PDB file of N, CA and C in Angstrom:
ATOM      1  N   MET A   1      65.864-220.411 -61.319  1.00  0.00           N
ATOM      2  CA  MET A   1      67.050-220.783 -62.037  1.00  0.00           C
ATOM      3  C   MET A   1      65.359-220.098 -63.240  1.00  0.00           C
ATOM      4  N   ASN A   2      64.273-220.700 -63.101  1.00  0.00           N
ATOM      5  CA  ASN A   2      63.419-220.662 -63.970  1.00  0.00           C
ATOM      6  C   ASN A   2      62.785-219.318 -65.066  1.00  0.00           C
ATOM      7  N   TYR A   3      63.711-218.291 -64.567  1.00  0.00           N
ATOM      8  CA  TYR A   3      63.792-216.856 -64.184  1.00  0.00           C
ATOM      9  C   TYR A   3      64.432-216.810 -65.881  1.00  0.00           C
ATOM     10  N   PHE A   4      65.773-217.839 -65.771  1.00  0.00           N
ATOM     11  CA  PHE A   4      67.073-217.699 -67.057  1.00  0.00           C
ATOM     12  C   PHE A   4      66.208-218.121 -67.309  1.00  0.00           C
ATOM     13  N   LYS A   5      65.428-219.863 -67.583  1.00  0.00           N
ATOM     14  CA  LYS A   5      65.686-220.378 -68.966  1.00  0.00           C
ATOM     15  C   LYS A   5      64.320-219.427 -69.851  1.00  0.00           C
ATOM     16  N   GLY A   6      63.225-218.933 -68.951  1.00  0.00           N
ATOM     17  CA  GLY A   6      62.426-218.094 -69.688  1.00  0.00           C
ATOM     18  C   GLY A   6      63.139-216.730 -70.050  1.00  0.00           C
ATOM     19  N   VAL A   7      64.582-216.343 -69.785  1.00  0.00           N
ATOM     20  CA  VAL A   7      65.201-215.287 -70.381  1.00  0.00           C
ATOM     21  C   VAL A   7      65.816-215.641 -71.497  1.00  0.00           C
ATOM     22  N   ARG A   8      66.516-217.084 -71.618  1.00  0.00           N
ATOM     23  CA  ARG A   8      66.876-217.989 -72.630  1.00  0.00           C
ATOM     24  C   ARG A   8      65.482-217.970 -73.640  1.00  0.00           C
ATOM     25  N   SER A   9      64.750-218.492 -73.666  1.00  0.00           N
ATOM     26  CA  SER A   9      63.597-218.715 -74.932  1.00  0.00           C
ATOM     27  C   SER A   9      63.301-217.291 -75.199  1.00  0.00           C
ATOM     28  N   GLU A  10      63.084-216.189 -74.361  1.00  0.00           N
ATOM     29  CA  GLU A  10      63.037-214.951 -75.166  1.00  0.00           C
ATOM     30  C   GLU A  10      64.111-215.016 -75.945  1.00  0.00           C
ATOM     31  N   MET A  11      65.173-215.135 -75.823  1.00  0.00           N
ATOM     32  CA  MET A  11      66.656-214.616 -76.192  1.00  0.00           C
ATOM     33  C   MET A  11      66.485-215.140 -77.733  1.00  0.00           C
ATOM     34  N   LYS A  12      65.385-216.525 -78.274  1.00  0.00           N
ATOM     35  CA  LYS A  12      65.563-217.043 -78.729  1.00  0.00           C
ATOM     36  C   LYS A  12      65.252-216.992 -80.152  1.00  0.00           C
ATOM     37  N   LYS A  13      63.584-215.810 -79.782  1.00  0.00           N
ATOM     38  CA  LYS A  13      62.224-215.412 -80.105  1.00  0.00           C
ATOM     39  C   LYS A  13      63.313-214.287 -81.407  1.00  0.00           C
ATOM     40  N   VAL A  14      64.034-213.624 -80.722  1.00  0.00           N
ATOM     41  CA  VAL A  14      64.393-212.104 -81.124  1.00  0.00           C
ATOM     42  C   VAL A  14      65.298-212.149 -83.025  1.00  0.00           C
ATOM     43  N   ILE A  15      64.698-211.712 -83.156  1.00  0.00           N
ATOM     44  CA  ILE A  15      64.908-211.362 -84.892  1.00  0.00           C
ATOM     45  C   ILE A  15      66.306-210.372 -84.714  1.00  0.00           C
ATOM     46  N   TRP A  16      67.591-211.082 -85.000  1.00  0.00           N
ATOM     47  CA  TRP A  16      68.538-209.990 -84.765  1.00  0.00           C
ATOM     48  C   TRP A  16      69.047-209.636 -85.929  1.00  0.00           C
ATOM     49  N   PRO A  17      69.383-207.923 -86.139  1.00  0.00           N
ATOM     50  CA  PRO A  17      69.786-207.100 -87.473  1.00  0.00           C
ATOM     51  C   PRO A  17      70.332-208.036 -87.895  1.00  0.00           C
ATOM     52  N   THR A  18      70.896-208.036 -89.509  1.00  0.00           N
ATOM     53  CA  THR A  18      72.144-208.428 -90.062  1.00  0.00           C
ATOM     54  C   THR A  18      73.193-207.178 -90.011  1.00  0.00           C
ATOM     55  N   LYS A  19      74.495-207.401 -90.153  1.00  0.00           N
ATOM     56  CA  LYS A  19      75.302-206.620 -90.223  1.00  0.00           C
ATOM     57  C   LYS A  19      75.040-205.504 -91.055  1.00  0.00           C
ATOM     58  N   LYS A  20      74.493-205.456 -92.005  1.00  0.00           N
ATOM     59  CA  LYS A  20      74.262-204.449 -93.055  1.00  0.00           C
ATOM     60  C   LYS A  20      73.215-203.603 -92.777  1.00  0.00           C
ATOM     61  N   GLU A  21      72.158-204.335 -91.868  1.00  0.00           N
ATOM     62  CA  GLU A  21      71.011-203.546 -91.089  1.00  0.00           C
ATOM     63  C   GLU A  21      71.424-202.886 -89.784  1.00  0.00           C
ATOM     64  N   LEU A  22      72.259-203.490 -89.497  1.00  0.00           N
ATOM     65  CA  LEU A  22      73.143-202.564 -88.700  1.00  0.00           C
ATOM     66  C   LEU A  22      73.485-201.457 -88.249  1.00  0.00           C
ATOM     67  N   PHE A  23      74.179-201.137 -89.238  1.00  0.00           N
ATOM     68  CA  PHE A  23      75.418-200.542 -90.267  1.00  0.00           C
ATOM     69  C   PHE A  23      74.140-199.408 -90.895  1.00  0.00           C
ATOM     70  N   ASN A  24      73.459-199.676 -91.105  1.00  0.00           N
ATOM     71  CA  ASN A  24      72.309-198.684 -91.078  1.00  0.00           C
ATOM     72  C   ASN A  24      71.948-197.833 -90.645  1.00  0.00           C
ATOM     73  N   TYR A  25      70.665-198.877 -89.440  1.00  0.00           N
ATOM     74  CA  TYR A  25      70.491-197.864 -88.365  1.00  0.00           C
ATOM     75  C   TYR A  25      72.000-197.023 -87.687  1.00  0.00           C
ATOM     76  N   THR A  26      72.581-197.360 -87.260  1.00  0.00           N
ATOM     77  CA  THR A  26      73.757-197.118 -86.736  1.00  0.00           C
ATOM     78  C   THR A  26      74.137-195.648 -87.267  1.00  0.00           C
ATOM     79  N   GLY A  27      74.114-195.670 -89.090  1.00  0.00           N
ATOM     80  CA  GLY A  27      74.436-194.149 -89.809  1.00  0.00           C
ATOM     81  C   GLY A  27      73.306-193.169 -89.017  1.00  0.00           C
ATOM     82  N   VAL A  28      71.305-194.068 -89.353  1.00  0.00           N
ATOM     83  CA  VAL A  28      70.615-193.227 -89.066  1.00  0.00           C
ATOM     84  C   VAL A  28      70.802-192.582 -87.312  1.00  0.00           C
ATOM     85  N   VAL A  29      71.094-193.553 -86.492  1.00  0.00           N
ATOM     86  CA  VAL A  29      70.878-192.751 -85.546  1.00  0.00           C
ATOM     87  C   VAL A  29      72.009-191.774 -85.021  1.00  0.00           C
ATOM     88  N   ILE A  30      73.163-191.781 -85.672  1.00  0.00           N
ATOM     89  CA  ILE A  30      74.085-191.410 -86.202  1.00  0.00           C
ATOM     90  C   ILE A  30      73.694-189.500 -86.088  1.00  0.00           C
ATOM     91  N   LEU A  31      72.746-189.700 -87.657  1.00  0.00           N
ATOM     92  CA  LEU A  31      72.471-188.595 -88.432  1.00  0.00           C
ATOM     93  C   LEU A  31      71.374-187.866 -87.812  1.00  0.00           C
ATOM     94  N   LEU A  32      70.618-188.619 -87.000  1.00  0.00           N
ATOM     95  CA  LEU A  32      69.366-188.288 -86.510  1.00  0.00           C
ATOM     96  C   LEU A  32      69.752-187.387 -84.993  1.00  0.00           C
ATOM     97  N   SER A  33      70.895-187.715 -84.403  1.00  0.00           N
ATOM     98  CA  SER A  33      71.583-187.122 -83.688  1.00  0.00           C
ATOM     99  C   SER A  33      72.734-185.749 -83.924  1.00  0.00           C
ATOM    100  N   LEU A  34      73.067-186.314 -84.928  1.00  0.00           N
ATOM    101  CA  LEU A  34      73.700-184.844 -85.506  1.00  0.00           C
ATOM    102  C   LEU A  34      72.714-183.877 -85.511  1.00  0.00           C
ATOM    103  N   PHE A  35      71.432-183.572 -86.328  1.00  0.00           N
ATOM    104  CA  PHE A  35      70.373-183.553 -87.060  1.00  0.00           C
ATOM    105  C   PHE A  35      69.493-181.917 -85.922  1.00  0.00           C
ATOM    106  N   VAL A  36      69.668-183.079 -84.422  1.00  0.00           N
ATOM    107  CA  VAL A  36      68.908-182.593 -83.393  1.00  0.00           C
ATOM    108  C   VAL A  36      70.102-181.461 -82.767  1.00  0.00           C
ATOM    109  N   ALA A  37      71.345-181.815 -82.580  1.00  0.00           N
ATOM    110  CA  ALA A  37      72.369-181.765 -82.076  1.00  0.00           C
ATOM    111  C   ALA A  37      72.266-179.869 -82.516  1.00  0.00           C
ATOM    112  N   ILE A  38      72.134-180.169 -83.648  1.00  0.00           N
ATOM    113  CA  ILE A  38      72.542-178.695 -84.255  1.00  0.00           C
ATOM    114  C   ILE A  38      71.444-178.309 -84.086  1.00  0.00           C
ATOM    115  N   ILE A  39      69.789-178.460 -84.422  1.00  0.00           N
ATOM    116  CA  ILE A  39      68.955-177.803 -83.937  1.00  0.00           C
ATOM    117  C   ILE A  39      68.811-176.841 -82.393  1.00  0.00           C
ATOM    118  N   VAL A  40      69.178-177.713 -81.698  1.00  0.00           N
ATOM    119  CA  VAL A  40      68.972-177.493 -79.676  1.00  0.00           C
ATOM    120  C   VAL A  40      70.714-176.061 -79.942  1.00  0.00           C
ATOM    121  N   TYR A  41      71.442-176.361 -80.996  1.00  0.00           N
ATOM    122  CA  TYR A  41      72.177-175.490 -80.483  1.00  0.00           C
ATOM    123  C   TYR A  41      71.832-173.795 -82.149  1.00  0.00           C
ATOM    124  N   LEU A  42      71.337-174.298 -82.475  1.00  0.00           N
ATOM    125  CA  LEU A  42      70.567-173.135 -82.837  1.00  0.00           C
ATOM    126  C   LEU A  42      69.555-172.349 -82.169  1.00  0.00           C
ATOM    127  N   ILE A  43      68.604-172.999 -81.604  1.00  0.00           N
ATOM    128  CA  ILE A  43      68.035-172.180 -80.404  1.00  0.00           C
ATOM    129  C   ILE A  43      68.628-171.999 -79.150  1.00  0.00           C
ATOM    130  N   ASP A  44      69.293-172.565 -78.864  1.00  0.00           N
ATOM    131  CA  ASP A  44      70.532-171.659 -77.877  1.00  0.00           C
ATOM    132  C   ASP A  44      71.096-170.411 -77.965  1.00  0.00           C
ATOM    133  N   ILE A  45      71.006-170.703 -79.390  1.00  0.00           N
ATOM    134  CA  ILE A  45      71.917-169.108 -79.667  1.00  0.00           C
ATOM    135  C   ILE A  45      71.355-167.923 -80.217  1.00  0.00           C
ATOM    136  N   ILE A  46      69.884-167.511 -80.883  1.00  0.00           N
ATOM    137  CA  ILE A  46      68.703-167.984 -80.885  1.00  0.00           C
ATOM    138  C   ILE A  46      68.187-167.393 -78.946  1.00  0.00           C
ATOM    139  N   ILE A  47      67.997-168.051 -78.162  1.00  0.00           N
ATOM    140  CA  ILE A  47      67.917-167.978 -77.440  1.00  0.00           C
ATOM    141  C   ILE A  47      68.626-166.248 -76.633  1.00  0.00           C
ATOM    142  N   GLY A  48      69.435-167.296 -76.599  1.00  0.00           N
ATOM    143  CA  GLY A  48      71.389-166.605 -75.993  1.00  0.00           C
ATOM    144  C   GLY A  48      71.205-164.912 -76.283  1.00  0.00           C
ATOM    145  N   GLY A  49      70.867-164.176 -77.775  1.00  0.00           N
ATOM    146  CA  GLY A  49      71.257-163.567 -78.428  1.00  0.00           C
ATOM    147  C   GLY A  49      69.813-162.530 -77.827  1.00  0.00           C
ATOM    148  N   ILE A  50      68.403-163.249 -78.080  1.00  0.00           N
ATOM    149  CA  ILE A  50      67.695-162.300 -77.305  1.00  0.00           C
ATOM    150  C   ILE A  50      67.370-162.072 -75.919  1.00  0.00           C
ATOM    151  N   ILE A  51      68.426-162.475 -74.654  1.00  0.00           N
ATOM    152  CA  ILE A  51      68.563-162.686 -73.817  1.00  0.00           C
ATOM    153  C   ILE A  51      69.219-161.538 -74.168  1.00  0.00           C
ATOM    154  N   SER A  52      70.263-161.290 -74.429  1.00  0.00           N
ATOM    155  CA  SER A  52      71.344-160.369 -74.359  1.00  0.00           C
ATOM    156  C   SER A  52      70.908-158.722 -75.166  1.00  0.00           C
ATOM    157  N   PHE A  53      69.640-159.397 -76.287  1.00  0.00           N
ATOM    158  CA  PHE A  53      69.317-158.492 -75.952  1.00  0.00           C
ATOM    159  C   PHE A  53      68.450-157.266 -75.252  1.00  0.00           C
ATOM    160  N   LEU A  54      67.582-158.122 -74.525  1.00  0.00           N
ATOM    161  CA  LEU A  54      67.044-157.431 -73.257  1.00  0.00           C
ATOM    162  C   LEU A  54      67.623-157.087 -72.204  1.00  0.00           C
ATOM    163  N   ILE A  55      68.858-157.489 -72.040  1.00  0.00           N
ATOM    164  CA  ILE A  55      69.713-157.110 -70.916  1.00  0.00           C
ATOM    165  C   ILE A  55      70.305-155.677 -71.257  1.00  0.00           C
TER     166      ILE A  55
END
C-alpha cells in the first residue's frame, strides 16, 4: 500500500500540459516522425540502387 501512496504523491507533483500544449507537442511529434520516415525511405532507395548497380 505504501507504494501506491508514493505513486499518488508523485502524480500530484506532475505538471500536466494544457490542451494547447498537448496539440502542439503532438504536431511536432507527427512532423518529426514523417521527416525521419522520409529520410529512411530515401536512404533505402539509394542503398537499394547501389546494390542493384553492383549486382
